[in-house]
Full PDB file with SEQRES, HELIX, SHEET, SSBOND, CRYST1, ORIGX, SCALE, CONECT and MASTER records, all heavy atoms in Angstrom:
SEQRES   1 A   40  SER TRP PRO ALA PRO ASN VAL ILE GLU ALA ALA ALA SER          
SEQRES   2 A   40  THR PRO VAL THR VAL LEU SER LEU THR ASP GLU GLN ILE          
SEQRES   3 A   40  ALA GLN THR GLY ARG THR LYS LEU VAL ILE PRO ALA GLY          
SEQRES   4 A   40  THR                                                          
HELIX    1 AA1 PRO A    5  SER A   13  1                                   9    
HELIX    2 AA2 ASP A   23  THR A   29  1                                   7    
CRYST1    1.000    1.000    1.000  90.00  90.00  90.00 P 1           1          
ORIGX1      1.000000  0.000000  0.000000        0.00000                         
ORIGX2      0.000000  1.000000  0.000000        0.00000                         
ORIGX3      0.000000  0.000000  1.000000        0.00000                         
SCALE1      1.000000  0.000000  0.000000        0.00000                         
SCALE2      0.000000  1.000000  0.000000        0.00000                         
SCALE3      0.000000  0.000000  1.000000        0.00000                         
ATOM      1  N   SER A   1     -18.694  71.744  21.782  1.00  0.00           N  
ATOM      2  CA  SER A   1     -18.821  72.879  22.680  1.00  0.00           C  
ATOM      3  C   SER A   1     -18.940  72.358  24.110  1.00  0.00           C  
ATOM      4  O   SER A   1     -19.365  71.232  24.326  1.00  0.00           O  
ATOM      5  CB  SER A   1     -20.070  73.672  22.319  1.00  0.00           C  
ATOM      6  OG  SER A   1     -21.189  72.803  22.282  1.00  0.00           O  
ATOM      7  N   TRP A   2     -18.528  73.165  25.074  1.00  0.00           N  
ATOM      8  CA  TRP A   2     -18.713  72.736  26.462  1.00  0.00           C  
ATOM      9  C   TRP A   2     -19.809  73.580  27.103  1.00  0.00           C  
ATOM     10  O   TRP A   2     -19.962  74.740  26.751  1.00  0.00           O  
ATOM     11  CB  TRP A   2     -17.395  72.828  27.246  1.00  0.00           C  
ATOM     12  CG  TRP A   2     -16.875  74.227  27.465  1.00  0.00           C  
ATOM     13  CD1 TRP A   2     -15.984  74.925  26.697  1.00  0.00           C  
ATOM     14  CD2 TRP A   2     -17.232  75.113  28.542  1.00  0.00           C  
ATOM     15  NE1 TRP A   2     -15.772  76.181  27.215  1.00  0.00           N  
ATOM     16  CE2 TRP A   2     -16.527  76.325  28.353  1.00  0.00           C  
ATOM     17  CE3 TRP A   2     -18.093  75.012  29.649  1.00  0.00           C  
ATOM     18  CZ2 TRP A   2     -16.638  77.415  29.222  1.00  0.00           C  
ATOM     19  CZ3 TRP A   2     -18.205  76.101  30.513  1.00  0.00           C  
ATOM     20  CH2 TRP A   2     -17.485  77.282  30.296  1.00  0.00           C  
ATOM     21  N   PRO A   3     -20.575  72.986  28.027  1.00  0.00           N  
ATOM     22  CA  PRO A   3     -20.530  71.585  28.431  1.00  0.00           C  
ATOM     23  C   PRO A   3     -21.035  70.671  27.319  1.00  0.00           C  
ATOM     24  O   PRO A   3     -22.061  70.945  26.696  1.00  0.00           O  
ATOM     25  CB  PRO A   3     -21.457  71.546  29.653  1.00  0.00           C  
ATOM     26  CG  PRO A   3     -22.375  72.713  29.481  1.00  0.00           C  
ATOM     27  CD  PRO A   3     -21.592  73.760  28.765  1.00  0.00           C  
ATOM     28  N   ALA A   4     -20.311  69.579  27.075  1.00  0.00           N  
ATOM     29  CA  ALA A   4     -20.653  68.642  26.001  1.00  0.00           C  
ATOM     30  C   ALA A   4     -21.748  67.690  26.482  1.00  0.00           C  
ATOM     31  O   ALA A   4     -21.605  67.075  27.541  1.00  0.00           O  
ATOM     32  CB  ALA A   4     -19.411  67.845  25.594  1.00  0.00           C  
ATOM     33  N   PRO A   5     -22.832  67.556  25.712  1.00  0.00           N  
ATOM     34  CA  PRO A   5     -23.946  66.697  26.148  1.00  0.00           C  
ATOM     35  C   PRO A   5     -23.539  65.270  26.488  1.00  0.00           C  
ATOM     36  O   PRO A   5     -24.013  64.696  27.477  1.00  0.00           O  
ATOM     37  CB  PRO A   5     -24.896  66.739  24.945  1.00  0.00           C  
ATOM     38  CG  PRO A   5     -24.635  68.074  24.311  1.00  0.00           C  
ATOM     39  CD  PRO A   5     -23.160  68.282  24.474  1.00  0.00           C  
ATOM     40  N   ASN A   6     -22.639  64.660  25.681  1.00  0.00           N  
ATOM     41  CA  ASN A   6     -22.268  63.275  25.966  1.00  0.00           C  
ATOM     42  C   ASN A   6     -21.392  63.162  27.211  1.00  0.00           C  
ATOM     43  O   ASN A   6     -21.405  62.136  27.901  1.00  0.00           O  
ATOM     44  CB  ASN A   6     -21.610  62.605  24.754  1.00  0.00           C  
ATOM     45  CG  ASN A   6     -20.413  63.361  24.207  1.00  0.00           C  
ATOM     46  OD1 ASN A   6     -20.137  64.498  24.591  1.00  0.00           O  
ATOM     47  ND2 ASN A   6     -19.707  62.756  23.279  1.00  0.00           N  
ATOM     48  N   VAL A   7     -20.649  64.224  27.536  1.00  0.00           N  
ATOM     49  CA  VAL A   7     -19.846  64.210  28.768  1.00  0.00           C  
ATOM     50  C   VAL A   7     -20.758  64.416  29.983  1.00  0.00           C  
ATOM     51  O   VAL A   7     -20.559  63.785  31.031  1.00  0.00           O  
ATOM     52  CB  VAL A   7     -18.739  65.277  28.715  1.00  0.00           C  
ATOM     53  CG1 VAL A   7     -17.886  65.228  29.992  1.00  0.00           C  
ATOM     54  CG2 VAL A   7     -17.842  65.053  27.494  1.00  0.00           C  
ATOM     55  N   ILE A   8     -21.749  65.282  29.837  1.00  0.00           N  
ATOM     56  CA  ILE A   8     -22.742  65.463  30.907  1.00  0.00           C  
ATOM     57  C   ILE A   8     -23.418  64.128  31.211  1.00  0.00           C  
ATOM     58  O   ILE A   8     -23.571  63.733  32.374  1.00  0.00           O  
ATOM     59  CB  ILE A   8     -23.800  66.513  30.501  1.00  0.00           C  
ATOM     60  CG1 ILE A   8     -23.177  67.906  30.427  1.00  0.00           C  
ATOM     61  CG2 ILE A   8     -24.970  66.512  31.490  1.00  0.00           C  
ATOM     62  CD1 ILE A   8     -24.130  68.970  29.900  1.00  0.00           C  
ATOM     63  N   GLU A   9     -23.814  63.433  30.138  1.00  0.00           N  
ATOM     64  CA  GLU A   9     -24.499  62.149  30.294  1.00  0.00           C  
ATOM     65  C   GLU A   9     -23.592  61.117  30.964  1.00  0.00           C  
ATOM     66  O   GLU A   9     -24.019  60.376  31.868  1.00  0.00           O  
ATOM     67  CB  GLU A   9     -24.952  61.639  28.923  1.00  0.00           C  
ATOM     68  CG  GLU A   9     -25.750  60.348  28.980  1.00  0.00           C  
ATOM     69  CD  GLU A   9     -26.112  59.806  27.609  1.00  0.00           C  
ATOM     70  OE1 GLU A   9     -25.809  60.480  26.594  1.00  0.00           O  
ATOM     71  OE2 GLU A   9     -26.685  58.700  27.557  1.00  0.00           O  
ATOM     72  N   ALA A  10     -22.333  61.082  30.527  1.00  0.00           N  
ATOM     73  CA  ALA A  10     -21.389  60.119  31.104  1.00  0.00           C  
ATOM     74  C   ALA A  10     -21.164  60.392  32.587  1.00  0.00           C  
ATOM     75  O   ALA A  10     -21.200  59.475  33.421  1.00  0.00           O  
ATOM     76  CB  ALA A  10     -20.068  60.173  30.348  1.00  0.00           C  
ATOM     77  N   ALA A  11     -20.942  61.649  32.937  1.00  0.00           N  
ATOM     78  CA  ALA A  11     -20.667  62.015  34.331  1.00  0.00           C  
ATOM     79  C   ALA A  11     -21.869  61.789  35.229  1.00  0.00           C  
ATOM     80  O   ALA A  11     -21.715  61.545  36.432  1.00  0.00           O  
ATOM     81  CB  ALA A  11     -20.222  63.473  34.394  1.00  0.00           C  
ATOM     82  N   ALA A  12     -23.062  61.874  34.642  1.00  0.00           N  
ATOM     83  CA  ALA A  12     -24.281  61.681  35.424  1.00  0.00           C  
ATOM     84  C   ALA A  12     -24.577  60.206  35.669  1.00  0.00           C  
ATOM     85  O   ALA A  12     -25.278  59.856  36.626  1.00  0.00           O  
ATOM     86  CB  ALA A  12     -25.463  62.330  34.713  1.00  0.00           C  
ATOM     87  N   SER A  13     -24.017  59.335  34.812  1.00  0.00           N  
ATOM     88  CA  SER A  13     -24.355  57.911  34.901  1.00  0.00           C  
ATOM     89  C   SER A  13     -23.290  57.070  35.592  1.00  0.00           C  
ATOM     90  O   SER A  13     -23.580  55.982  36.088  1.00  0.00           O  
ATOM     91  CB  SER A  13     -24.617  57.347  33.500  1.00  0.00           C  
ATOM     92  OG  SER A  13     -23.465  57.468  32.679  1.00  0.00           O  
ATOM     93  N   THR A  14     -22.051  57.577  35.644  1.00  0.00           N  
ATOM     94  CA  THR A  14     -20.968  56.821  36.278  1.00  0.00           C  
ATOM     95  C   THR A  14     -19.855  57.795  36.656  1.00  0.00           C  
ATOM     96  O   THR A  14     -19.674  58.815  35.976  1.00  0.00           O  
ATOM     97  CB  THR A  14     -20.431  55.734  35.322  1.00  0.00           C  
ATOM     98  OG1 THR A  14     -19.529  54.895  36.024  1.00  0.00           O  
ATOM     99  CG2 THR A  14     -19.730  56.332  34.121  1.00  0.00           C  
ATOM    100  N   PRO A  15     -19.113  57.543  37.723  1.00  0.00           N  
ATOM    101  CA  PRO A  15     -18.017  58.453  38.094  1.00  0.00           C  
ATOM    102  C   PRO A  15     -16.955  58.532  36.987  1.00  0.00           C  
ATOM    103  O   PRO A  15     -16.479  57.490  36.525  1.00  0.00           O  
ATOM    104  CB  PRO A  15     -17.448  57.828  39.369  1.00  0.00           C  
ATOM    105  CG  PRO A  15     -18.569  57.022  39.931  1.00  0.00           C  
ATOM    106  CD  PRO A  15     -19.292  56.468  38.730  1.00  0.00           C  
ATOM    107  N   VAL A  16     -16.615  59.741  36.579  1.00  0.00           N  
ATOM    108  CA  VAL A  16     -15.610  59.927  35.524  1.00  0.00           C  
ATOM    109  C   VAL A  16     -14.596  60.984  35.931  1.00  0.00           C  
ATOM    110  O   VAL A  16     -14.844  61.797  36.825  1.00  0.00           O  
ATOM    111  CB  VAL A  16     -16.254  60.330  34.174  1.00  0.00           C  
ATOM    112  CG1 VAL A  16     -17.267  59.303  33.711  1.00  0.00           C  
ATOM    113  CG2 VAL A  16     -16.877  61.719  34.258  1.00  0.00           C  
ATOM    114  N   THR A  17     -13.474  60.958  35.242  1.00  0.00           N  
ATOM    115  CA  THR A  17     -12.463  62.002  35.366  1.00  0.00           C  
ATOM    116  C   THR A  17     -12.226  62.592  33.985  1.00  0.00           C  
ATOM    117  O   THR A  17     -11.913  61.849  33.046  1.00  0.00           O  
ATOM    118  CB  THR A  17     -11.128  61.433  35.905  1.00  0.00           C  
ATOM    119  OG1 THR A  17     -11.346  60.820  37.180  1.00  0.00           O  
ATOM    120  CG2 THR A  17     -10.087  62.536  36.033  1.00  0.00           C  
ATOM    121  N   VAL A  18     -12.417  63.898  33.847  1.00  0.00           N  
ATOM    122  CA  VAL A  18     -12.105  64.582  32.595  1.00  0.00           C  
ATOM    123  C   VAL A  18     -10.683  65.120  32.750  1.00  0.00           C  
ATOM    124  O   VAL A  18     -10.416  65.945  33.632  1.00  0.00           O  
ATOM    125  CB  VAL A  18     -13.099  65.720  32.298  1.00  0.00           C  
ATOM    126  CG1 VAL A  18     -12.765  66.361  30.947  1.00  0.00           C  
ATOM    127  CG2 VAL A  18     -14.530  65.197  32.296  1.00  0.00           C  
ATOM    128  N   LEU A  19      -9.776  64.622  31.922  1.00  0.00           N  
ATOM    129  CA  LEU A  19      -8.354  64.898  32.103  1.00  0.00           C  
ATOM    130  C   LEU A  19      -7.976  66.338  31.772  1.00  0.00           C  
ATOM    131  O   LEU A  19      -8.496  66.939  30.838  1.00  0.00           O  
ATOM    132  CB  LEU A  19      -7.523  63.950  31.231  1.00  0.00           C  
ATOM    133  CG  LEU A  19      -7.763  62.449  31.426  1.00  0.00           C  
ATOM    134  CD1 LEU A  19      -6.825  61.657  30.522  1.00  0.00           C  
ATOM    135  CD2 LEU A  19      -7.585  62.045  32.887  1.00  0.00           C  
ATOM    136  N   SER A  20      -7.032  66.845  32.560  1.00  0.00           N  
ATOM    137  CA  SER A  20      -6.432  68.156  32.291  1.00  0.00           C  
ATOM    138  C   SER A  20      -5.095  67.958  31.599  1.00  0.00           C  
ATOM    139  O   SER A  20      -4.370  66.991  31.889  1.00  0.00           O  
ATOM    140  CB  SER A  20      -6.210  68.924  33.595  1.00  0.00           C  
ATOM    141  OG  SER A  20      -7.204  69.878  33.814  1.00  0.00           O  
ATOM    142  N   LEU A  21      -4.766  68.861  30.700  1.00  0.00           N  
ATOM    143  CA  LEU A  21      -3.454  68.852  30.058  1.00  0.00           C  
ATOM    144  C   LEU A  21      -2.584  69.918  30.723  1.00  0.00           C  
ATOM    145  O   LEU A  21      -3.090  70.950  31.194  1.00  0.00           O  
ATOM    146  CB  LEU A  21      -3.573  69.154  28.570  1.00  0.00           C  
ATOM    147  CG  LEU A  21      -3.948  68.003  27.632  1.00  0.00           C  
ATOM    148  CD1 LEU A  21      -5.365  67.524  27.886  1.00  0.00           C  
ATOM    149  CD2 LEU A  21      -3.793  68.424  26.180  1.00  0.00           C  
ATOM    150  N   THR A  22      -1.291  69.684  30.766  1.00  0.00           N  
ATOM    151  CA  THR A  22      -0.371  70.687  31.297  1.00  0.00           C  
ATOM    152  C   THR A  22      -0.162  71.776  30.248  1.00  0.00           C  
ATOM    153  O   THR A  22      -0.458  71.584  29.055  1.00  0.00           O  
ATOM    154  CB  THR A  22       0.986  70.059  31.642  1.00  0.00           C  
ATOM    155  OG1 THR A  22       1.617  69.602  30.424  1.00  0.00           O  
ATOM    156  CG2 THR A  22       0.818  68.883  32.596  1.00  0.00           C  
ATOM    157  N   ASP A  23       0.366  72.903  30.675  1.00  0.00           N  
ATOM    158  CA  ASP A  23       0.664  73.991  29.730  1.00  0.00           C  
ATOM    159  C   ASP A  23       1.637  73.521  28.657  1.00  0.00           C  
ATOM    160  O   ASP A  23       1.522  73.887  27.481  1.00  0.00           O  
ATOM    161  CB  ASP A  23       1.249  75.201  30.476  1.00  0.00           C  
ATOM    162  CG  ASP A  23       0.214  75.948  31.296  1.00  0.00           C  
ATOM    163  OD1 ASP A  23      -0.994  75.842  30.972  1.00  0.00           O  
ATOM    164  OD2 ASP A  23       0.597  76.634  32.257  1.00  0.00           O  
ATOM    165  N   GLU A  24       2.600  72.691  29.066  1.00  0.00           N  
ATOM    166  CA  GLU A  24       3.590  72.173  28.111  1.00  0.00           C  
ATOM    167  C   GLU A  24       2.916  71.278  27.071  1.00  0.00           C  
ATOM    168  O   GLU A  24       3.217  71.361  25.868  1.00  0.00           O  
ATOM    169  CB  GLU A  24       4.673  71.397  28.856  1.00  0.00           C  
ATOM    170  CG  GLU A  24       5.790  70.878  27.941  1.00  0.00           C  
ATOM    171  CD  GLU A  24       6.837  70.083  28.695  1.00  0.00           C  
ATOM    172  OE1 GLU A  24       6.760  70.015  29.936  1.00  0.00           O  
ATOM    173  OE2 GLU A  24       7.736  69.518  28.036  1.00  0.00           O  
ATOM    174  N   GLN A  25       2.005  70.421  27.517  1.00  0.00           N  
ATOM    175  CA  GLN A  25       1.302  69.534  26.584  1.00  0.00           C  
ATOM    176  C   GLN A  25       0.436  70.349  25.624  1.00  0.00           C  
ATOM    177  O   GLN A  25       0.380  70.047  24.421  1.00  0.00           O  
ATOM    178  CB  GLN A  25       0.448  68.537  27.371  1.00  0.00           C  
ATOM    179  CG  GLN A  25       1.244  67.450  28.060  1.00  0.00           C  
ATOM    180  CD  GLN A  25       0.403  66.598  28.985  1.00  0.00           C  
ATOM    181  OE1 GLN A  25      -0.616  67.052  29.517  1.00  0.00           O  
ATOM    182  NE2 GLN A  25       0.816  65.354  29.187  1.00  0.00           N  
ATOM    183  N   ILE A  26      -0.232  71.372  26.139  1.00  0.00           N  
ATOM    184  CA  ILE A  26      -1.070  72.217  25.279  1.00  0.00           C  
ATOM    185  C   ILE A  26      -0.213  72.892  24.220  1.00  0.00           C  
ATOM    186  O   ILE A  26      -0.584  72.964  23.047  1.00  0.00           O  
ATOM    187  CB  ILE A  26      -1.838  73.246  26.130  1.00  0.00           C  
ATOM    188  CG1 ILE A  26      -2.898  72.526  26.980  1.00  0.00           C  
ATOM    189  CG2 ILE A  26      -2.498  74.302  25.243  1.00  0.00           C  
ATOM    190  CD1 ILE A  26      -3.573  73.396  28.012  1.00  0.00           C  
ATOM    191  N   ALA A  27       0.960  73.375  24.619  1.00  0.00           N  
ATOM    192  CA  ALA A  27       1.873  74.014  23.666  1.00  0.00           C  
ATOM    193  C   ALA A  27       2.301  73.034  22.586  1.00  0.00           C  
ATOM    194  O   ALA A  27       2.418  73.402  21.405  1.00  0.00           O  
ATOM    195  CB  ALA A  27       3.085  74.570  24.400  1.00  0.00           C  
ATOM    196  N   GLN A  28       2.512  71.772  22.964  1.00  0.00           N  
ATOM    197  CA  GLN A  28       2.927  70.747  21.993  1.00  0.00           C  
ATOM    198  C   GLN A  28       1.838  70.488  20.941  1.00  0.00           C  
ATOM    199  O   GLN A  28       2.150  70.148  19.797  1.00  0.00           O  
ATOM    200  CB  GLN A  28       3.255  69.439  22.713  1.00  0.00           C  
ATOM    201  CG  GLN A  28       4.616  69.411  23.381  1.00  0.00           C  
ATOM    202  CD  GLN A  28       4.877  68.069  24.043  1.00  0.00           C  
ATOM    203  OE1 GLN A  28       4.661  67.884  25.229  1.00  0.00           O  
ATOM    204  NE2 GLN A  28       5.362  67.122  23.254  1.00  0.00           N  
ATOM    205  N   THR A  29       0.585  70.620  21.326  1.00  0.00           N  
ATOM    206  CA  THR A  29      -0.501  70.357  20.380  1.00  0.00           C  
ATOM    207  C   THR A  29      -0.650  71.471  19.347  1.00  0.00           C  
ATOM    208  O   THR A  29      -1.200  71.250  18.272  1.00  0.00           O  
ATOM    209  CB  THR A  29      -1.849  70.203  21.101  1.00  0.00           C  
ATOM    210  OG1 THR A  29      -2.259  71.465  21.653  1.00  0.00           O  
ATOM    211  CG2 THR A  29      -1.781  69.157  22.191  1.00  0.00           C  
ATOM    212  N   GLY A  30      -0.194  72.674  19.687  1.00  0.00           N  
ATOM    213  CA  GLY A  30      -0.342  73.808  18.781  1.00  0.00           C  
ATOM    214  C   GLY A  30      -1.749  74.381  18.757  1.00  0.00           C  
ATOM    215  O   GLY A  30      -2.060  75.251  17.939  1.00  0.00           O  
ATOM    216  N   ARG A  31      -2.601  73.924  19.667  1.00  0.00           N  
ATOM    217  CA  ARG A  31      -3.985  74.399  19.733  1.00  0.00           C  
ATOM    218  C   ARG A  31      -4.142  75.501  20.778  1.00  0.00           C  
ATOM    219  O   ARG A  31      -3.220  75.798  21.544  1.00  0.00           O  
ATOM    220  CB  ARG A  31      -4.934  73.240  20.050  1.00  0.00           C  
ATOM    221  CG  ARG A  31      -5.033  72.200  18.954  1.00  0.00           C  
ATOM    222  CD  ARG A  31      -5.600  72.773  17.674  1.00  0.00           C  
ATOM    223  NE  ARG A  31      -5.865  71.737  16.674  1.00  0.00           N  
ATOM    224  CZ  ARG A  31      -6.144  71.983  15.403  1.00  0.00           C  
ATOM    225  NH1 ARG A  31      -6.186  73.221  14.962  1.00  0.00           N  
ATOM    226  NH2 ARG A  31      -6.367  70.993  14.560  1.00  0.00           N  
ATOM    227  N   THR A  32      -5.320  76.083  20.818  1.00  0.00           N  
ATOM    228  CA  THR A  32      -5.625  77.166  21.743  1.00  0.00           C  
ATOM    229  C   THR A  32      -6.015  76.602  23.104  1.00  0.00           C  
ATOM    230  O   THR A  32      -6.826  75.680  23.199  1.00  0.00           O  
ATOM    231  CB  THR A  32      -6.791  78.022  21.199  1.00  0.00           C  
ATOM    232  OG1 THR A  32      -6.420  78.526  19.910  1.00  0.00           O  
ATOM    233  CG2 THR A  32      -7.104  79.176  22.118  1.00  0.00           C  
ATOM    234  N   LYS A  33      -5.442  77.157  24.161  1.00  0.00           N  
ATOM    235  CA  LYS A  33      -5.776  76.720  25.522  1.00  0.00           C  
ATOM    236  C   LYS A  33      -7.184  77.169  25.890  1.00  0.00           C  
ATOM    237  O   LYS A  33      -7.610  78.273  25.562  1.00  0.00           O  
ATOM    238  CB  LYS A  33      -4.770  77.317  26.510  1.00  0.00           C  
ATOM    239  CG  LYS A  33      -5.046  76.973  27.974  1.00  0.00           C  
ATOM    240  CD  LYS A  33      -3.992  77.607  28.866  1.00  0.00           C  
ATOM    241  CE  LYS A  33      -4.282  77.400  30.340  1.00  0.00           C  
ATOM    242  NZ  LYS A  33      -3.243  78.001  31.215  1.00  0.00           N  
ATOM    243  N   LEU A  34      -7.896  76.295  26.587  1.00  0.00           N  
ATOM    244  CA  LEU A  34      -9.236  76.621  27.074  1.00  0.00           C  
ATOM    245  C   LEU A  34      -9.415  75.999  28.453  1.00  0.00           C  
ATOM    246  O   LEU A  34      -8.970  74.872  28.696  1.00  0.00           O  
ATOM    247  CB  LEU A  34     -10.309  76.105  26.111  1.00  0.00           C  
ATOM    248  CG  LEU A  34     -11.761  76.502  26.410  1.00  0.00           C  
ATOM    249  CD1 LEU A  34     -12.540  76.734  25.116  1.00  0.00           C  
ATOM    250  CD2 LEU A  34     -12.463  75.429  27.246  1.00  0.00           C  
ATOM    251  N   VAL A  35     -10.047  76.741  29.361  1.00  0.00           N  
ATOM    252  CA  VAL A  35     -10.282  76.251  30.716  1.00  0.00           C  
ATOM    253  C   VAL A  35     -11.774  76.026  30.919  1.00  0.00           C  
ATOM    254  O   VAL A  35     -12.579  76.943  30.748  1.00  0.00           O  
ATOM    255  CB  VAL A  35      -9.752  77.249  31.767  1.00  0.00           C  
ATOM    256  CG1 VAL A  35     -10.093  76.751  33.176  1.00  0.00           C  
ATOM    257  CG2 VAL A  35      -8.241  77.434  31.621  1.00  0.00           C  
ATOM    258  N   ILE A  36     -12.125  74.784  31.259  1.00  0.00           N  
ATOM    259  CA  ILE A  36     -13.503  74.445  31.601  1.00  0.00           C  
ATOM    260  C   ILE A  36     -13.641  74.613  33.108  1.00  0.00           C  
ATOM    261  O   ILE A  36     -12.947  73.936  33.873  1.00  0.00           O  
ATOM    262  CB  ILE A  36     -13.841  72.995  31.191  1.00  0.00           C  
ATOM    263  CG1 ILE A  36     -13.627  72.802  29.681  1.00  0.00           C  
ATOM    264  CG2 ILE A  36     -15.269  72.649  31.575  1.00  0.00           C  
ATOM    265  CD1 ILE A  36     -13.788  71.355  29.217  1.00  0.00           C  
ATOM    266  N   PRO A  37     -14.500  75.513  33.560  1.00  0.00           N  
ATOM    267  CA  PRO A  37     -14.569  75.824  34.996  1.00  0.00           C  
ATOM    268  C   PRO A  37     -14.990  74.621  35.845  1.00  0.00           C  
ATOM    269  O   PRO A  37     -15.737  73.743  35.395  1.00  0.00           O  
ATOM    270  CB  PRO A  37     -15.634  76.923  35.066  1.00  0.00           C  
ATOM    271  CG  PRO A  37     -15.722  77.473  33.688  1.00  0.00           C  
ATOM    272  CD  PRO A  37     -15.421  76.333  32.770  1.00  0.00           C  
ATOM    273  N   ALA A  38     -14.506  74.597  37.067  1.00  0.00           N  
ATOM    274  CA  ALA A  38     -14.902  73.578  38.041  1.00  0.00           C  
ATOM    275  C   ALA A  38     -16.418  73.578  38.177  1.00  0.00           C  
ATOM    276  O   ALA A  38     -17.057  74.633  38.127  1.00  0.00           O  
ATOM    277  CB  ALA A  38     -14.243  73.858  39.389  1.00  0.00           C  
ATOM    278  N   GLY A  39     -16.973  72.379  38.349  1.00  0.00           N  
ATOM    279  CA  GLY A  39     -18.410  72.267  38.528  1.00  0.00           C  
ATOM    280  C   GLY A  39     -19.206  72.157  37.253  1.00  0.00           C  
ATOM    281  O   GLY A  39     -20.427  72.006  37.293  1.00  0.00           O  
ATOM    282  N   THR A  40     -18.522  72.209  36.104  1.00  0.00           N  
ATOM    283  CA  THR A  40     -19.227  72.090  34.828  1.00  0.00           C  
ATOM    284  C   THR A  40     -19.851  70.705  34.693  1.00  0.00           C  
ATOM    285  O   THR A  40     -20.975  70.558  34.210  1.00  0.00           O  
ATOM    286  CB  THR A  40     -18.270  72.365  33.649  1.00  0.00           C  
ATOM    287  OG1 THR A  40     -17.791  73.716  33.742  1.00  0.00           O  
ATOM    288  CG2 THR A  40     -18.975  72.179  32.311  1.00  0.00           C  
TER     289      THR A  40                                                      
MASTER        0    0    0    2    0    0    0    6  288    1    0    4          
END                                                                             
């Protein structure tokens, strides 16, 4: 679930980038699109 505790911990301890997928890539996965809001 988001916000994910281990991602919160990682971002708090060192600079990280959580990658975004393009609409095309999401379609290729066959999964449901979800947007994690800025500032999470």
